[in-house]
Amino acid sequence: MNTRTDNDGQSPRYGQGRDALVAAAIRVVANHGLRKLTYRAVAHEAGVTYGLVSHHFGSRDALIQAALEHSVRASVVAFTTAPGSGDIDALFGNLSEMVDADPGTQAFQYELILEARRRPELRPLVDDLYKAYRKVLAQEFSCSALPVDDALVRLVFAALDGLVFQQTALGGADNTRDALSRLRDILNGLKRQP
């Protein structure tokens, strides 16, 4: 059996199983879409038995929720290279590198978002995903002396989301970096005077 694992070709070691299964679920969705996410597909991808996936998650929805939470934790760190510093030049400093390093995590999120259009029961997960990102962005804005109003946070997040989507789908990290630099210039112009 030819499977991918996070452990140099070995099945996950004891204590790493759940994380390896979450990572495998993200890869399955990123490569084949949310509709192909099954316990069997995840088990095959992780190089473990089908029963282990069921044991750790109990339901497909629980697996999706765990994978989404993992993907948000992996992505939100790219919002700034200096959390809480107020340094606008640090905002989005590693975003294009994060996408290049792990486009599958972003593809997983976009697959979930698109599937939520067809399956309304997934909509709360997508709402929570976007709320988590906007919350972190609003926190960084408040540290940066930027106005923290919902419209500005939504606007900037929409720009980030679009740039990440384009880079995930088409590549072009240099284009993303250039656009982010311009976005930081605009935000510097919006800073509140002390």
C-alpha atoms as a PDB file:
ATOM      1  CA  MET A   1       0.000   0.000   0.000  1.00  0.00           C
ATOM      2  CA  ASN A   2       1.424   3.387  -0.988  1.00  0.00           C
ATOM      3  CA  THR A   3       0.290   6.018   1.505  1.00  0.00           C
ATOM      4  CA  ARG A   4       1.486   9.354   2.699  1.00  0.00           C
ATOM      5  CA  THR A   5       2.263   9.873   6.344  1.00  0.00           C
ATOM      6  CA  ASP A   6       3.815  12.608   8.402  1.00  0.00           C
ATOM      7  CA  ASN A   7       6.344  10.167   9.771  1.00  0.00           C
ATOM      8  CA  ASP A   8       8.827   9.443   6.952  1.00  0.00           C
ATOM      9  CA  GLY A   9       6.844   6.589   5.465  1.00  0.00           C
ATOM     10  CA  GLN A  10       5.955   5.016   8.799  1.00  0.00           C
ATOM     11  CA  SER A  11       2.542   4.738  10.378  1.00  0.00           C
ATOM     12  CA  PRO A  12       1.989   7.355  13.059  1.00  0.00           C
ATOM     13  CA  ARG A  13       3.638   6.649  16.414  1.00  0.00           C
ATOM     14  CA  TYR A  14       1.573   6.301  19.550  1.00  0.00           C
ATOM     15  CA  GLY A  15       0.234   9.710  20.603  1.00  0.00           C
ATOM     16  CA  GLN A  16       0.556  11.143  17.094  1.00  0.00           C
ATOM     17  CA  GLY A  17      -2.373   9.261  15.610  1.00  0.00           C
ATOM     18  CA  ARG A  18      -5.064  11.913  15.921  1.00  0.00           C
ATOM     19  CA  ASP A  19      -2.859  14.673  14.483  1.00  0.00           C
ATOM     20  CA  ALA A  20      -1.742  12.405  11.644  1.00  0.00           C
ATOM     21  CA  LEU A  21      -5.358  11.597  10.844  1.00  0.00           C
ATOM     22  CA  VAL A  22      -6.311  15.272  10.811  1.00  0.00           C
ATOM     23  CA  ALA A  23      -3.400  16.034   8.478  1.00  0.00           C
ATOM     24  CA  ALA A  24      -4.435  13.118   6.267  1.00  0.00           C
ATOM     25  CA  ALA A  25      -8.034  14.388   6.168  1.00  0.00           C
ATOM     26  CA  ILE A  26      -6.816  17.812   5.070  1.00  0.00           C
ATOM     27  CA  ARG A  27      -4.755  16.228   2.281  1.00  0.00           C
ATOM     28  CA  VAL A  28      -7.675  14.066   1.116  1.00  0.00           C
ATOM     29  CA  VAL A  29      -9.996  17.074   0.881  1.00  0.00           C
ATOM     30  CA  ALA A  30      -7.344  19.307  -0.697  1.00  0.00           C
ATOM     31  CA  ASN A  31      -6.557  16.720  -3.362  1.00  0.00           C
ATOM     32  CA  HIS A  32      -9.960  15.137  -3.998  1.00  0.00           C
ATOM     33  CA  GLY A  33     -12.659  17.403  -2.548  1.00  0.00           C
ATOM     34  CA  LEU A  34     -14.825  17.164   0.538  1.00  0.00           C
ATOM     35  CA  ARG A  35     -17.142  14.607  -1.047  1.00  0.00           C
ATOM     36  CA  LYS A  36     -14.252  12.113  -1.198  1.00  0.00           C
ATOM     37  CA  LEU A  37     -13.560  12.432   2.536  1.00  0.00           C
ATOM     38  CA  THR A  38     -14.275   9.009   4.010  1.00  0.00           C
ATOM     39  CA  TYR A  39     -12.783   7.076   6.895  1.00  0.00           C
ATOM     40  CA  ARG A  40     -11.276   4.684   4.364  1.00  0.00           C
ATOM     41  CA  ALA A  41      -9.653   7.486   2.346  1.00  0.00           C
ATOM     42  CA  VAL A  42      -8.190   9.054   5.487  1.00  0.00           C
ATOM     43  CA  ALA A  43      -6.964   5.700   6.787  1.00  0.00           C
ATOM     44  CA  HIS A  44      -5.319   4.956   3.437  1.00  0.00           C
ATOM     45  CA  GLU A  45      -3.695   8.404   3.323  1.00  0.00           C
ATOM     46  CA  ALA A  46      -2.395   8.064   6.896  1.00  0.00           C
ATOM     47  CA  GLY A  47      -1.345   4.431   6.540  1.00  0.00           C
ATOM     48  CA  VAL A  48      -3.541   3.199   9.387  1.00  0.00           C
ATOM     49  CA  THR A  49      -6.616   1.042   9.777  1.00  0.00           C
ATOM     50  CA  TYR A  50     -10.117   2.252   9.078  1.00  0.00           C
ATOM     51  CA  GLY A  51     -11.115   1.551  12.686  1.00  0.00           C
ATOM     52  CA  LEU A  52      -8.535   3.967  14.035  1.00  0.00           C
ATOM     53  CA  VAL A  53     -10.190   6.883  12.221  1.00  0.00           C
ATOM     54  CA  SER A  54     -13.574   5.893  13.594  1.00  0.00           C
ATOM     55  CA  HIS A  55     -12.107   5.472  17.087  1.00  0.00           C
ATOM     56  CA  HIS A  56     -10.603   8.977  17.149  1.00  0.00           C
ATOM     57  CA  PHE A  57     -13.498  10.898  15.613  1.00  0.00           C
ATOM     58  CA  GLY A  58     -16.712   8.878  15.794  1.00  0.00           C
ATOM     59  CA  SER A  59     -18.295  10.785  12.909  1.00  0.00           C
ATOM     60  CA  ARG A  60     -17.312  12.367   9.642  1.00  0.00           C
ATOM     61  CA  ASP A  61     -18.536  15.744  10.938  1.00  0.00           C
ATOM     62  CA  ALA A  62     -16.235  15.472  13.967  1.00  0.00           C
ATOM     63  CA  LEU A  63     -13.336  14.742  11.624  1.00  0.00           C
ATOM     64  CA  ILE A  64     -14.199  17.773   9.474  1.00  0.00           C
ATOM     65  CA  GLN A  65     -14.460  19.974  12.582  1.00  0.00           C
ATOM     66  CA  ALA A  66     -11.066  18.801  13.869  1.00  0.00           C
ATOM     67  CA  ALA A  67      -9.459  19.332  10.462  1.00  0.00           C
ATOM     68  CA  LEU A  68     -10.931  22.825  10.220  1.00  0.00           C
ATOM     69  CA  GLU A  69      -9.693  23.775  13.692  1.00  0.00           C
ATOM     70  CA  HIS A  70      -6.228  22.468  12.810  1.00  0.00           C
ATOM     71  CA  SER A  71      -6.199  24.395   9.525  1.00  0.00           C
ATOM     72  CA  VAL A  72      -7.164  27.653  11.247  1.00  0.00           C
ATOM     73  CA  ARG A  73      -4.387  27.247  13.841  1.00  0.00           C
ATOM     74  CA  ALA A  74      -1.904  26.579  11.032  1.00  0.00           C
ATOM     75  CA  SER A  75      -3.052  29.604   9.017  1.00  0.00           C
ATOM     76  CA  VAL A  76      -3.710  32.312  11.586  1.00  0.00           C
ATOM     77  CA  VAL A  77      -0.020  32.527  12.506  1.00  0.00           C
ATOM     78  CA  ALA A  78       0.612  34.141   9.115  1.00  0.00           C
ATOM     79  CA  PHE A  79      -1.420  37.225  10.025  1.00  0.00           C
ATOM     80  CA  THR A  80       1.626  38.854  11.578  1.00  0.00           C
ATOM     81  CA  THR A  81       5.270  38.115  12.222  1.00  0.00           C
ATOM     82  CA  ALA A  82       5.064  40.058  15.506  1.00  0.00           C
ATOM     83  CA  PRO A  83       1.730  39.302  17.239  1.00  0.00           C
ATOM     84  CA  GLY A  84       0.451  42.100  19.446  1.00  0.00           C
ATOM     85  CA  SER A  85       3.334  44.452  18.571  1.00  0.00           C
ATOM     86  CA  GLY A  86       1.297  47.011  16.681  1.00  0.00           C
ATOM     87  CA  ASP A  87       3.810  46.862  13.828  1.00  0.00           C
ATOM     88  CA  ILE A  88       1.833  47.244  10.604  1.00  0.00           C
ATOM     89  CA  ASP A  89       4.900  46.258   8.599  1.00  0.00           C
ATOM     90  CA  ALA A  90       4.740  42.869  10.341  1.00  0.00           C
ATOM     91  CA  LEU A  91       1.146  42.296   9.234  1.00  0.00           C
ATOM     92  CA  PHE A  92       0.847  39.462   6.713  1.00  0.00           C
ATOM     93  CA  GLY A  93       4.654  39.212   6.621  1.00  0.00           C
ATOM     94  CA  ASN A  94       4.700  35.440   6.094  1.00  0.00           C
ATOM     95  CA  LEU A  95       1.368  34.966   4.357  1.00  0.00           C
ATOM     96  CA  SER A  96       2.653  34.135   0.880  1.00  0.00           C
ATOM     97  CA  GLU A  97       5.340  31.841   2.339  1.00  0.00           C
ATOM     98  CA  MET A  98       2.716  30.010   4.397  1.00  0.00           C
ATOM     99  CA  VAL A  99       0.621  29.389   1.291  1.00  0.00           C
ATOM    100  CA  ASP A 100       3.661  28.172  -0.663  1.00  0.00           C
ATOM    101  CA  ALA A 101       4.731  25.885   2.178  1.00  0.00           C
ATOM    102  CA  ASP A 102       1.301  24.281   2.647  1.00  0.00           C
ATOM    103  CA  PRO A 103      -1.200  25.066  -0.106  1.00  0.00           C
ATOM    104  CA  GLY A 104      -3.183  21.973   0.859  1.00  0.00           C
ATOM    105  CA  THR A 105      -4.355  23.550   4.100  1.00  0.00           C
ATOM    106  CA  GLN A 106      -5.743  26.518   2.186  1.00  0.00           C
ATOM    107  CA  ALA A 107      -7.265  24.279  -0.500  1.00  0.00           C
ATOM    108  CA  PHE A 108      -8.978  22.282   2.276  1.00  0.00           C
ATOM    109  CA  GLN A 109     -10.608  25.461   3.609  1.00  0.00           C
ATOM    110  CA  TYR A 110     -11.772  26.594   0.176  1.00  0.00           C
ATOM    111  CA  GLU A 111     -13.188  23.141  -0.571  1.00  0.00           C
ATOM    112  CA  LEU A 112     -15.154  23.331   2.688  1.00  0.00           C
ATOM    113  CA  ILE A 113     -16.392  26.832   1.869  1.00  0.00           C
ATOM    114  CA  LEU A 114     -17.597  25.778  -1.579  1.00  0.00           C
ATOM    115  CA  GLU A 115     -19.240  22.630  -0.248  1.00  0.00           C
ATOM    116  CA  ALA A 116     -21.121  24.752   2.307  1.00  0.00           C
ATOM    117  CA  ARG A 117     -22.988  26.328  -0.624  1.00  0.00           C
ATOM    118  CA  ARG A 118     -24.388  22.898  -1.458  1.00  0.00           C
ATOM    119  CA  ARG A 119     -24.736  21.612   2.102  1.00  0.00           C
ATOM    120  CA  PRO A 120     -26.219  24.265   4.425  1.00  0.00           C
ATOM    121  CA  GLU A 121     -25.353  22.175   7.509  1.00  0.00           C
ATOM    122  CA  LEU A 122     -21.693  23.094   6.866  1.00  0.00           C
ATOM    123  CA  ARG A 123     -22.425  26.827   6.876  1.00  0.00           C
ATOM    124  CA  PRO A 124     -21.867  27.248  10.646  1.00  0.00           C
ATOM    125  CA  LEU A 125     -18.349  25.797  10.242  1.00  0.00           C
ATOM    126  CA  VAL A 126     -17.565  28.308   7.508  1.00  0.00           C
ATOM    127  CA  ASP A 127     -19.052  31.162   9.562  1.00  0.00           C
ATOM    128  CA  ASP A 128     -16.846  30.119  12.493  1.00  0.00           C
ATOM    129  CA  LEU A 129     -13.810  29.934  10.194  1.00  0.00           C
ATOM    130  CA  TYR A 130     -14.272  33.488   8.961  1.00  0.00           C
ATOM    131  CA  LYS A 131     -15.130  34.806  12.427  1.00  0.00           C
ATOM    132  CA  ALA A 132     -11.891  33.343  13.815  1.00  0.00           C
ATOM    133  CA  TYR A 133      -9.814  35.046  11.128  1.00  0.00           C
ATOM    134  CA  ARG A 134     -11.601  38.387  11.499  1.00  0.00           C
ATOM    135  CA  LYS A 135     -11.211  38.263  15.285  1.00  0.00           C
ATOM    136  CA  VAL A 136      -7.427  37.856  15.027  1.00  0.00           C
ATOM    137  CA  LEU A 137      -7.262  40.599  12.415  1.00  0.00           C
ATOM    138  CA  ALA A 138      -9.307  42.976  14.617  1.00  0.00           C
ATOM    139  CA  GLN A 139      -6.990  42.257  17.550  1.00  0.00           C
ATOM    140  CA  GLU A 140      -3.948  43.110  15.438  1.00  0.00           C
ATOM    141  CA  PHE A 141      -5.655  46.287  14.202  1.00  0.00           C
ATOM    142  CA  SER A 142      -6.317  47.428  17.768  1.00  0.00           C
ATOM    143  CA  CYS A 143      -2.633  46.934  18.634  1.00  0.00           C
ATOM    144  CA  SER A 144      -1.620  48.871  15.521  1.00  0.00           C
ATOM    145  CA  ALA A 145      -3.627  52.041  16.205  1.00  0.00           C
ATOM    146  CA  LEU A 146      -5.824  51.182  13.227  1.00  0.00           C
ATOM    147  CA  PRO A 147      -9.553  51.821  13.398  1.00  0.00           C
ATOM    148  CA  VAL A 148     -11.267  48.624  14.485  1.00  0.00           C
ATOM    149  CA  ASP A 149     -14.580  48.754  12.715  1.00  0.00           C
ATOM    150  CA  ASP A 150     -16.282  45.726  11.280  1.00  0.00           C
ATOM    151  CA  ALA A 151     -16.389  47.087   7.727  1.00  0.00           C
ATOM    152  CA  LEU A 152     -12.632  47.705   7.581  1.00  0.00           C
ATOM    153  CA  VAL A 153     -11.837  44.317   9.116  1.00  0.00           C
ATOM    154  CA  ARG A 154     -14.148  42.608   6.587  1.00  0.00           C
ATOM    155  CA  LEU A 155     -12.639  44.565   3.696  1.00  0.00           C
ATOM    156  CA  VAL A 156      -9.043  43.748   4.604  1.00  0.00           C
ATOM    157  CA  PHE A 157      -9.896  40.123   5.304  1.00  0.00           C
ATOM    158  CA  ALA A 158     -11.670  39.843   1.938  1.00  0.00           C
ATOM    159  CA  ALA A 159      -8.515  41.148   0.255  1.00  0.00           C
ATOM    160  CA  LEU A 160      -6.371  38.622   2.149  1.00  0.00           C
ATOM    161  CA  ASP A 161      -8.786  35.804   1.402  1.00  0.00           C
ATOM    162  CA  GLY A 162      -8.756  36.643  -2.293  1.00  0.00           C
ATOM    163  CA  LEU A 163      -4.970  36.832  -2.443  1.00  0.00           C
ATOM    164  CA  VAL A 164      -4.588  33.514  -0.637  1.00  0.00           C
ATOM    165  CA  PHE A 165      -7.174  31.912  -2.911  1.00  0.00           C
ATOM    166  CA  GLN A 166      -5.407  33.163  -6.038  1.00  0.00           C
ATOM    167  CA  GLN A 167      -2.007  31.995  -4.821  1.00  0.00           C
ATOM    168  CA  THR A 168      -3.418  28.623  -3.777  1.00  0.00           C
ATOM    169  CA  ALA A 169      -5.079  28.115  -7.144  1.00  0.00           C
ATOM    170  CA  LEU A 170      -2.585  29.760  -9.480  1.00  0.00           C
ATOM    171  CA  GLY A 171       0.706  30.250  -7.639  1.00  0.00           C
ATOM    172  CA  GLY A 172       2.372  33.639  -7.863  1.00  0.00           C
ATOM    173  CA  ALA A 173       3.847  34.281  -4.436  1.00  0.00           C
ATOM    174  CA  ASP A 174       5.598  37.404  -5.766  1.00  0.00           C
ATOM    175  CA  ASN A 175       2.249  38.879  -6.833  1.00  0.00           C
ATOM    176  CA  THR A 176       0.849  38.165  -3.379  1.00  0.00           C
ATOM    177  CA  ARG A 177       3.847  39.776  -1.662  1.00  0.00           C
ATOM    178  CA  ASP A 178       3.563  42.885  -3.862  1.00  0.00           C
ATOM    179  CA  ALA A 179      -0.158  43.233  -3.150  1.00  0.00           C
ATOM    180  CA  LEU A 180       0.389  42.740   0.603  1.00  0.00           C
ATOM    181  CA  SER A 181       3.065  45.419   0.605  1.00  0.00           C
ATOM    182  CA  ARG A 182       0.613  47.825  -0.997  1.00  0.00           C
ATOM    183  CA  LEU A 183      -2.083  46.819   1.499  1.00  0.00           C
ATOM    184  CA  ARG A 184       0.300  47.612   4.379  1.00  0.00           C
ATOM    185  CA  ASP A 185       0.965  51.040   2.820  1.00  0.00           C
ATOM    186  CA  ILE A 186      -2.771  51.720   2.743  1.00  0.00           C
ATOM    187  CA  LEU A 187      -3.179  50.578   6.352  1.00  0.00           C
ATOM    188  CA  ASN A 188      -0.275  52.768   7.482  1.00  0.00           C
ATOM    189  CA  GLY A 189      -2.177  55.698   5.985  1.00  0.00           C
ATOM    190  CA  LEU A 190      -5.238  54.802   8.084  1.00  0.00           C
ATOM    191  CA  LYS A 191      -3.464  54.777  11.446  1.00  0.00           C
ATOM    192  CA  ARG A 192      -5.105  56.919  14.095  1.00  0.00           C
ATOM    193  CA  GLN A 193      -3.074  59.847  15.287  1.00  0.00           C
ATOM    194  CA  PRO A 194      -2.002  59.572  18.948  1.00  0.00           C
END
